[in-house]
Amino acid sequence: MATLEQCRTALDQLATKLATNAEAGGRLDFNRTLACQVPDLQAAFHGRLENGKIVDLTDGDDPRAKIKMIINSDDLLELVAGTLDAGKAFASGRLKIKASVMDLLKLRKLL
């Protein structure tokens, strides 16, 4: 099981990856609140997506977040490292994302 600090680092790396993908894809009008729950560590993080970039990422949950990601710590590290495909993880249940269909489509472009 990964540590809480490793998960924080992985989320920071994910934020960088999303920002790079958002810039490569051109202007993306995608502004939502975001929460990530890590059940095996009983931890959560939250922040905002602004034009496809994660900003203000902090500890704690946001029950009103428009996009909620639920993933175990090891799976989070694998996802960010690129050894776990987001689509396959979502299909197998290793990654759960609660969001509107339109938000899922926009998020897919970033991952």
Protein backbone atom coordinates (compact mmCIF):
# COMPACT_ATOMS: atom_id res chain seq x y z
CA MET A 1 0.00 0.00 0.00
CA ALA A 2 1.32 3.42 -0.96
CA THR A 3 1.73 6.15 1.63
CA LEU A 4 -0.28 9.33 1.93
CA GLU A 5 2.74 11.39 0.84
CA GLN A 6 3.20 9.21 -2.27
CA CYS A 7 -0.45 9.83 -3.14
CA ARG A 8 -0.01 13.60 -2.74
CA THR A 9 3.01 13.47 -5.03
CA ALA A 10 1.10 11.34 -7.55
CA LEU A 11 -1.80 13.81 -7.59
CA ASP A 12 0.65 16.66 -8.16
CA GLN A 13 2.10 14.69 -11.07
CA LEU A 14 -1.42 14.04 -12.37
CA ALA A 15 -2.11 17.77 -12.19
CA THR A 16 1.00 18.41 -14.29
CA LYS A 17 -0.02 15.74 -16.81
CA LEU A 18 -3.54 17.16 -17.14
CA ALA A 19 -2.17 20.66 -17.60
CA THR A 20 0.14 19.45 -20.36
CA ASN A 21 -2.70 17.58 -22.07
CA ALA A 22 -5.01 20.60 -21.73
CA GLU A 23 -2.43 22.87 -23.38
CA ALA A 24 -1.78 20.36 -26.18
CA GLY A 25 -5.50 20.01 -26.88
CA GLY A 26 -6.12 23.74 -27.23
CA ARG A 27 -8.58 25.79 -25.20
CA LEU A 28 -10.75 23.58 -23.05
CA ASP A 29 -13.60 25.25 -21.17
CA PHE A 30 -13.65 22.81 -18.27
CA ASN A 31 -14.08 24.30 -14.80
CA ARG A 32 -15.30 21.95 -12.08
CA THR A 33 -14.68 21.08 -8.46
CA LEU A 34 -12.81 17.81 -8.04
CA ALA A 35 -12.42 15.33 -5.18
CA CYS A 36 -10.27 12.21 -4.98
CA GLN A 37 -10.97 9.59 -2.36
CA VAL A 38 -8.32 6.99 -1.48
CA PRO A 39 -10.29 4.38 0.48
CA ASP A 40 -7.40 2.11 1.50
CA LEU A 41 -5.72 5.05 3.24
CA GLN A 42 -8.99 6.53 4.45
CA ALA A 43 -7.86 9.80 2.88
CA ALA A 44 -9.22 12.34 0.44
CA PHE A 45 -8.03 15.33 -1.55
CA HIS A 46 -9.89 18.09 -3.33
CA GLY A 47 -9.26 20.96 -5.66
CA ARG A 48 -10.59 22.57 -8.82
CA LEU A 49 -10.22 21.97 -12.50
CA GLU A 50 -9.71 25.28 -14.30
CA ASN A 51 -9.58 24.93 -18.08
CA GLY A 52 -8.45 21.34 -17.60
CA LYS A 53 -5.76 22.12 -15.02
CA ILE A 54 -5.94 21.03 -11.37
CA VAL A 55 -5.42 23.96 -8.99
CA ASP A 56 -5.64 24.47 -5.22
CA LEU A 57 -5.19 20.75 -4.45
CA THR A 58 -5.48 20.22 -0.69
CA ASP A 59 -6.20 17.47 1.82
CA GLY A 60 -9.77 16.58 2.74
CA ASP A 61 -12.96 15.70 0.91
CA ASP A 62 -15.40 18.01 -0.83
CA PRO A 63 -18.84 16.38 -0.74
CA ARG A 64 -20.14 18.98 -3.22
CA ALA A 65 -17.47 18.26 -5.86
CA LYS A 66 -18.85 17.89 -9.39
CA ILE A 67 -16.27 15.21 -10.23
CA LYS A 68 -15.40 12.50 -7.71
CA MET A 69 -12.63 10.02 -8.30
CA ILE A 70 -12.30 6.94 -6.10
CA ILE A 71 -9.11 4.91 -6.41
CA ASN A 72 -6.86 2.88 -4.09
CA SER A 73 -3.38 4.22 -3.38
CA ASP A 74 -1.39 1.67 -5.42
CA ASP A 75 -3.74 2.06 -8.38
CA LEU A 76 -3.34 5.85 -8.20
CA LEU A 77 0.44 5.53 -8.40
CA GLU A 78 0.18 3.10 -11.33
CA LEU A 79 -2.30 5.36 -13.14
CA VAL A 80 -0.03 8.38 -12.84
CA ALA A 81 3.08 6.37 -13.77
CA GLY A 82 1.32 5.20 -16.92
CA THR A 83 1.39 1.49 -16.07
CA LEU A 84 -2.38 1.45 -15.52
CA ASP A 85 -4.61 2.57 -18.38
CA ALA A 86 -7.39 4.89 -17.19
CA GLY A 87 -9.99 3.33 -19.49
CA LYS A 88 -9.18 -0.21 -18.41
CA ALA A 89 -9.06 0.81 -14.74
CA PHE A 90 -12.47 2.47 -15.10
CA ALA A 91 -13.96 -0.56 -16.90
CA SER A 92 -12.61 -2.99 -14.29
CA GLY A 93 -13.76 -0.90 -11.32
CA ARG A 94 -10.27 -0.07 -10.06
CA LEU A 95 -11.02 3.57 -10.84
CA LYS A 96 -14.45 4.99 -10.16
CA ILE A 97 -15.46 8.40 -11.41
CA LYS A 98 -18.73 10.00 -10.44
CA ALA A 99 -19.55 12.82 -12.83
CA SER A 100 -22.01 13.84 -15.51
CA VAL A 101 -21.66 12.21 -18.91
CA MET A 102 -20.44 15.46 -20.46
CA ASP A 103 -17.82 15.87 -17.74
CA LEU A 104 -16.66 12.27 -18.27
CA LEU A 105 -16.18 12.97 -21.98
CA LYS A 106 -14.16 16.10 -21.28
CA LEU A 107 -12.12 14.35 -18.60
CA ARG A 108 -11.34 11.50 -20.99
CA LYS A 109 -9.66 14.01 -23.33
CA LEU A 110 -7.33 15.07 -20.52
CA LEU A 111 -6.34 11.62 -19.33
